[in-house]
N, C-alpha and C. Protein backbone atom coordinates (compact mmCIF):
# COMPACT_ATOMS: atom_id res chain seq x y z
N MET A 1 0.90 -1.14 0.00
CA MET A 1 -0.07 0.05 0.00
C MET A 1 0.89 1.21 -0.05
N THR A 2 0.58 2.33 -0.79
CA THR A 2 1.48 3.44 -0.89
C THR A 2 1.11 4.49 0.07
N TRP A 3 1.84 5.38 0.49
CA TRP A 3 1.80 6.30 1.38
C TRP A 3 0.65 7.28 1.14
N THR A 4 0.38 7.50 -0.28
CA THR A 4 -0.79 8.35 -0.58
C THR A 4 -2.10 7.62 -0.33
N ALA A 5 -2.07 6.37 -0.40
CA ALA A 5 -3.40 5.72 -0.06
C ALA A 5 -3.44 5.72 1.31
N VAL A 6 -2.61 5.48 2.12
CA VAL A 6 -2.72 5.53 3.63
C VAL A 6 -3.00 6.98 4.07
N LEU A 7 -2.56 7.93 3.64
CA LEU A 7 -2.87 9.38 3.92
C LEU A 7 -4.31 9.63 3.52
N ALA A 8 -4.62 9.10 2.44
CA ALA A 8 -6.00 9.47 1.95
C ALA A 8 -7.03 8.77 2.94
N LEU A 9 -6.71 7.57 3.28
CA LEU A 9 -7.64 6.78 4.27
C LEU A 9 -7.82 7.49 5.44
N ALA A 10 -6.62 7.95 5.93
CA ALA A 10 -6.47 8.47 7.26
C ALA A 10 -7.24 9.80 7.33
N ALA A 11 -7.05 10.60 6.16
CA ALA A 11 -7.91 11.94 6.22
C ALA A 11 -9.32 11.76 5.89
N GLY A 12 -9.81 10.64 5.28
CA GLY A 12 -11.28 10.34 5.01
C GLY A 12 -11.71 9.81 6.38
N THR A 13 -11.05 9.17 7.14
CA THR A 13 -11.54 8.69 8.49
C THR A 13 -11.69 9.75 9.42
N TYR A 14 -10.81 10.75 9.47
CA TYR A 14 -10.68 11.89 10.28
C TYR A 14 -11.94 12.80 9.95
N LEU A 15 -12.03 12.97 8.70
CA LEU A 15 -13.26 13.96 8.19
C LEU A 15 -14.49 13.32 8.54
N LEU A 16 -14.68 12.00 8.35
CA LEU A 16 -15.85 11.25 8.63
C LEU A 16 -16.30 11.43 10.12
N ARG A 17 -15.29 11.23 11.07
CA ARG A 17 -15.37 11.37 12.56
C ARG A 17 -15.78 12.81 12.91
N LEU A 18 -15.09 13.78 12.27
CA LEU A 18 -15.31 15.21 12.50
C LEU A 18 -16.88 15.57 12.10
N ALA A 19 -17.17 15.13 10.84
CA ALA A 19 -18.65 15.24 10.40
C ALA A 19 -19.68 14.78 11.55
N GLY A 20 -19.26 13.57 12.11
CA GLY A 20 -20.32 13.11 13.17
C GLY A 20 -20.37 14.05 14.30
N LEU A 21 -19.18 14.68 14.73
CA LEU A 21 -19.35 15.57 15.83
C LEU A 21 -19.86 16.73 15.51
N ALA A 22 -19.55 17.26 14.15
CA ALA A 22 -20.21 18.59 13.90
C ALA A 22 -21.73 18.52 13.59
N LEU A 23 -22.23 17.29 13.38
CA LEU A 23 -23.57 17.27 12.86
C LEU A 23 -24.49 16.60 13.83
N ARG A 24 -23.92 16.30 15.21
CA ARG A 24 -24.65 15.58 16.16
C ARG A 24 -25.84 16.28 16.61
N ASP A 25 -25.90 17.60 16.64
CA ASP A 25 -26.97 18.34 17.32
C ASP A 25 -27.99 18.82 16.03
N ARG A 26 -27.54 18.68 14.81
CA ARG A 26 -28.24 19.02 13.68
C ARG A 26 -29.23 17.89 13.07
N VAL A 27 -28.67 16.72 13.15
CA VAL A 27 -29.49 15.63 12.50
C VAL A 27 -30.00 14.74 13.77
N ALA A 28 -31.49 14.58 13.41
CA ALA A 28 -32.00 13.61 14.39
C ALA A 28 -32.24 12.23 13.70
N VAL A 29 -31.83 11.28 14.51
CA VAL A 29 -31.82 9.91 14.02
C VAL A 29 -33.05 9.22 14.79
N PRO A 30 -34.04 8.66 14.06
CA PRO A 30 -35.13 8.05 14.65
C PRO A 30 -34.84 6.92 15.58
N GLN A 31 -35.49 6.57 16.81
CA GLN A 31 -35.17 5.51 17.55
C GLN A 31 -34.87 4.16 16.97
N ARG A 32 -35.81 3.87 16.06
CA ARG A 32 -35.71 2.57 15.24
C ARG A 32 -34.36 2.44 14.64
N VAL A 33 -33.84 3.52 13.90
CA VAL A 33 -32.58 3.41 13.29
C VAL A 33 -31.31 3.50 14.25
N GLU A 34 -31.54 4.20 15.55
CA GLU A 34 -30.58 4.12 16.34
C GLU A 34 -30.32 2.62 16.95
N ARG A 35 -31.47 2.04 16.94
CA ARG A 35 -31.45 0.55 17.68
C ARG A 35 -30.69 -0.24 16.55
N HIS A 36 -31.11 -0.05 15.29
CA HIS A 36 -30.23 -0.82 14.27
C HIS A 36 -28.65 -0.74 14.27
N ILE A 37 -28.41 0.61 14.45
CA ILE A 37 -27.03 0.89 14.49
C ILE A 37 -26.20 0.22 15.75
N ASP A 38 -27.00 0.25 16.82
CA ASP A 38 -26.47 -0.48 17.88
C ASP A 38 -26.43 -2.00 17.61
N LEU A 39 -27.24 -2.48 17.07
CA LEU A 39 -27.40 -4.03 16.64
C LEU A 39 -26.06 -4.28 15.72
N GLY A 40 -25.99 -3.47 14.69
CA GLY A 40 -24.92 -3.53 13.82
C GLY A 40 -23.57 -3.45 14.26
N ALA A 41 -23.27 -2.61 15.29
CA ALA A 41 -22.05 -2.57 15.98
C ALA A 41 -21.77 -3.81 16.71
N THR A 42 -22.78 -4.53 17.32
CA THR A 42 -22.61 -5.66 18.24
C THR A 42 -22.35 -6.81 17.20
N ALA A 43 -23.03 -6.89 16.00
CA ALA A 43 -22.84 -7.86 15.05
C ALA A 43 -21.39 -7.91 14.57
N LEU A 44 -20.79 -6.66 14.32
CA LEU A 44 -19.65 -6.51 13.84
C LEU A 44 -18.51 -7.03 14.93
N LEU A 45 -18.74 -6.61 16.06
CA LEU A 45 -17.93 -7.08 17.07
C LEU A 45 -17.86 -8.65 17.35
N VAL A 46 -19.15 -9.31 17.34
CA VAL A 46 -19.31 -10.62 17.41
C VAL A 46 -18.65 -11.52 16.12
N ALA A 47 -18.62 -10.65 14.87
CA ALA A 47 -18.05 -11.47 13.71
C ALA A 47 -16.35 -11.27 13.94
N LEU A 48 -15.89 -10.17 14.40
CA LEU A 48 -14.53 -10.04 14.66
C LEU A 48 -13.91 -11.13 15.61
N VAL A 49 -14.68 -11.23 16.78
CA VAL A 49 -14.25 -12.11 17.73
C VAL A 49 -14.28 -13.58 17.18
N ALA A 50 -15.25 -13.91 16.46
CA ALA A 50 -15.54 -15.26 15.89
C ALA A 50 -14.44 -15.67 14.86
N THR A 51 -14.12 -14.61 14.07
CA THR A 51 -13.04 -14.79 12.90
C THR A 51 -11.70 -14.95 13.64
N ALA A 52 -11.45 -14.19 14.63
CA ALA A 52 -10.13 -14.28 15.31
C ALA A 52 -10.13 -15.56 16.20
N ALA A 53 -11.00 -16.05 16.75
CA ALA A 53 -11.03 -17.21 17.54
C ALA A 53 -11.17 -18.48 16.74
N LEU A 54 -11.84 -18.51 15.56
CA LEU A 54 -11.97 -19.94 14.89
C LEU A 54 -11.11 -20.07 13.71
N THR A 55 -10.44 -19.02 13.23
CA THR A 55 -9.82 -19.17 11.89
C THR A 55 -8.38 -18.79 12.12
N GLU A 56 -7.53 -19.41 11.39
CA GLU A 56 -6.11 -19.31 11.23
C GLU A 56 -5.56 -19.61 9.74
N ALA A 57 -5.09 -18.66 9.06
CA ALA A 57 -4.44 -18.72 7.65
C ALA A 57 -5.74 -19.19 6.86
N GLY A 58 -7.00 -18.91 6.94
CA GLY A 58 -7.98 -19.15 6.05
C GLY A 58 -8.65 -20.52 6.46
N GLY A 59 -8.25 -21.19 7.49
CA GLY A 59 -8.92 -22.23 7.66
C GLY A 59 -9.13 -22.52 9.21
N PHE A 60 -9.70 -23.49 9.77
CA PHE A 60 -10.12 -23.80 11.04
C PHE A 60 -8.78 -23.69 12.05
N ALA A 61 -8.84 -23.02 13.12
CA ALA A 61 -7.60 -22.99 13.82
C ALA A 61 -7.45 -23.91 14.83
N GLY A 62 -8.23 -25.12 14.95
CA GLY A 62 -8.19 -26.06 15.74
C GLY A 62 -8.90 -25.80 17.00
N TRP A 63 -9.08 -26.82 18.04
CA TRP A 63 -9.90 -26.75 19.24
C TRP A 63 -9.46 -26.03 20.37
N ALA A 64 -8.06 -25.94 20.39
CA ALA A 64 -7.43 -25.30 21.80
C ALA A 64 -7.84 -23.70 21.76
N ARG A 65 -7.83 -23.01 20.52
CA ARG A 65 -7.94 -21.51 20.60
C ARG A 65 -9.57 -21.34 21.04
N PRO A 66 -10.50 -21.93 20.30
CA PRO A 66 -11.71 -21.69 20.67
C PRO A 66 -12.20 -22.04 22.29
N ALA A 67 -11.57 -23.09 22.66
CA ALA A 67 -11.68 -23.50 24.02
C ALA A 67 -11.06 -22.46 24.96
N GLY A 68 -10.02 -21.93 24.48
CA GLY A 68 -9.38 -20.81 25.46
C GLY A 68 -10.35 -19.68 25.41
N VAL A 69 -10.88 -19.23 24.38
CA VAL A 69 -11.71 -18.17 24.21
C VAL A 69 -13.00 -18.30 25.01
N ALA A 70 -13.56 -19.57 24.82
CA ALA A 70 -14.71 -19.97 25.75
C ALA A 70 -14.50 -19.75 27.24
N VAL A 71 -13.25 -20.28 27.81
CA VAL A 71 -12.98 -20.17 29.04
C VAL A 71 -12.71 -18.73 29.45
N GLY A 72 -12.17 -17.85 28.56
CA GLY A 72 -11.98 -16.49 28.88
C GLY A 72 -13.29 -15.66 28.88
N ALA A 73 -14.30 -16.09 28.02
CA ALA A 73 -15.55 -15.44 27.86
C ALA A 73 -16.37 -15.78 29.16
N LEU A 74 -16.16 -17.05 29.81
CA LEU A 74 -16.84 -17.42 30.91
C LEU A 74 -16.36 -16.85 32.10
N ALA A 75 -15.05 -16.58 32.28
CA ALA A 75 -14.44 -15.88 33.29
C ALA A 75 -14.80 -14.29 33.25
N ALA A 76 -14.88 -13.73 32.02
CA ALA A 76 -15.25 -12.42 31.86
C ALA A 76 -16.78 -12.23 32.47
N TRP A 77 -17.51 -13.31 32.06
CA TRP A 77 -19.00 -13.11 32.36
C TRP A 77 -19.15 -13.32 33.98
N ARG A 78 -18.26 -13.90 34.48
CA ARG A 78 -18.24 -14.19 35.80
C ARG A 78 -17.58 -12.98 36.69
N LYS A 79 -17.30 -11.87 35.84
CA LYS A 79 -16.64 -10.61 36.42
C LYS A 79 -15.37 -10.77 37.10
N LEU A 80 -14.51 -11.63 36.62
CA LEU A 80 -13.18 -11.89 37.16
C LEU A 80 -12.30 -10.87 36.69
N PRO A 81 -11.23 -10.44 37.43
CA PRO A 81 -10.37 -9.40 37.05
C PRO A 81 -9.63 -9.59 35.60
N PHE A 82 -9.58 -8.73 34.85
CA PHE A 82 -9.12 -8.84 33.47
C PHE A 82 -7.78 -9.58 33.25
N VAL A 83 -6.94 -9.50 34.06
CA VAL A 83 -5.66 -10.03 34.13
C VAL A 83 -5.97 -11.58 34.22
N LEU A 84 -6.69 -12.05 35.23
CA LEU A 84 -7.10 -13.33 35.44
C LEU A 84 -7.94 -13.98 34.20
N VAL A 85 -8.72 -13.16 33.54
CA VAL A 85 -9.38 -13.62 32.37
C VAL A 85 -8.42 -14.05 31.37
N VAL A 86 -7.45 -13.13 31.19
CA VAL A 86 -6.40 -13.42 30.06
C VAL A 86 -5.53 -14.53 30.34
N LEU A 87 -5.08 -14.62 31.57
CA LEU A 87 -4.36 -15.95 32.15
C LEU A 87 -5.11 -17.10 31.87
N LEU A 88 -6.35 -17.13 32.35
CA LEU A 88 -7.24 -18.43 32.12
C LEU A 88 -7.24 -18.81 30.68
N ALA A 89 -7.61 -17.77 29.80
CA ALA A 89 -7.90 -18.21 28.46
C ALA A 89 -6.48 -18.63 27.84
N ALA A 90 -5.48 -17.87 28.22
CA ALA A 90 -4.02 -18.31 27.56
C ALA A 90 -3.69 -19.62 28.08
N GLY A 91 -3.76 -19.91 29.42
CA GLY A 91 -3.56 -21.00 29.93
C GLY A 91 -4.28 -22.17 29.47
N THR A 92 -5.40 -22.07 29.31
CA THR A 92 -6.36 -23.27 28.74
C THR A 92 -5.84 -23.58 27.37
N THR A 93 -5.72 -22.51 26.40
CA THR A 93 -5.20 -22.73 25.18
C THR A 93 -3.74 -23.54 25.17
N ALA A 94 -2.86 -23.02 26.02
CA ALA A 94 -1.44 -23.69 26.05
C ALA A 94 -1.63 -25.06 26.64
N ALA A 95 -2.47 -25.30 27.50
CA ALA A 95 -2.51 -26.61 28.27
C ALA A 95 -3.12 -27.54 27.17
N LEU A 96 -4.04 -27.20 26.29
CA LEU A 96 -4.62 -28.25 25.32
C LEU A 96 -3.59 -28.22 24.30
N ARG A 97 -2.89 -27.32 23.88
CA ARG A 97 -1.84 -27.56 23.01
C ARG A 97 -0.66 -28.47 23.32
N ALA A 98 -0.36 -28.15 24.66
CA ALA A 98 0.74 -29.19 25.28
C ALA A 98 0.29 -30.56 25.19
N ALA A 99 -1.16 -30.72 25.31
CA ALA A 99 -1.70 -32.14 25.45
C ALA A 99 -1.91 -32.73 24.07
N GLY A 100 -1.48 -31.94 23.13
CA GLY A 100 -1.45 -32.43 21.64
C GLY A 100 -2.88 -32.19 20.90
N ILE A 101 -3.84 -31.24 21.56
CA ILE A 101 -4.87 -30.84 20.91
C ILE A 101 -4.71 -29.55 20.32
N ARG A 102 -4.70 -29.60 18.99
CA ARG A 102 -4.44 -28.28 18.26
C ARG A 102 -5.86 -27.63 17.86
């Protein structure tokens, strides 16, 4: 990717965010549309997590990584400290890989 493209994308992103701030009080979004925007953001986040947890190099990542993510999600749901969530997820993945489960 060239520097021109990087700078053009950066400028476009900045201007789009600036437009959101400048137009916040001028444009009214209906409640229904606002709900869809919230759901869209949630769907994008779930898709990102699923892609990162389940795939590697265009294929299935194996069972160790999704198991670690599931343990981390359970720990986060139980409101454990963040450091402990990360350690439990990484430890689960490492233990399964050490046991030969990829």
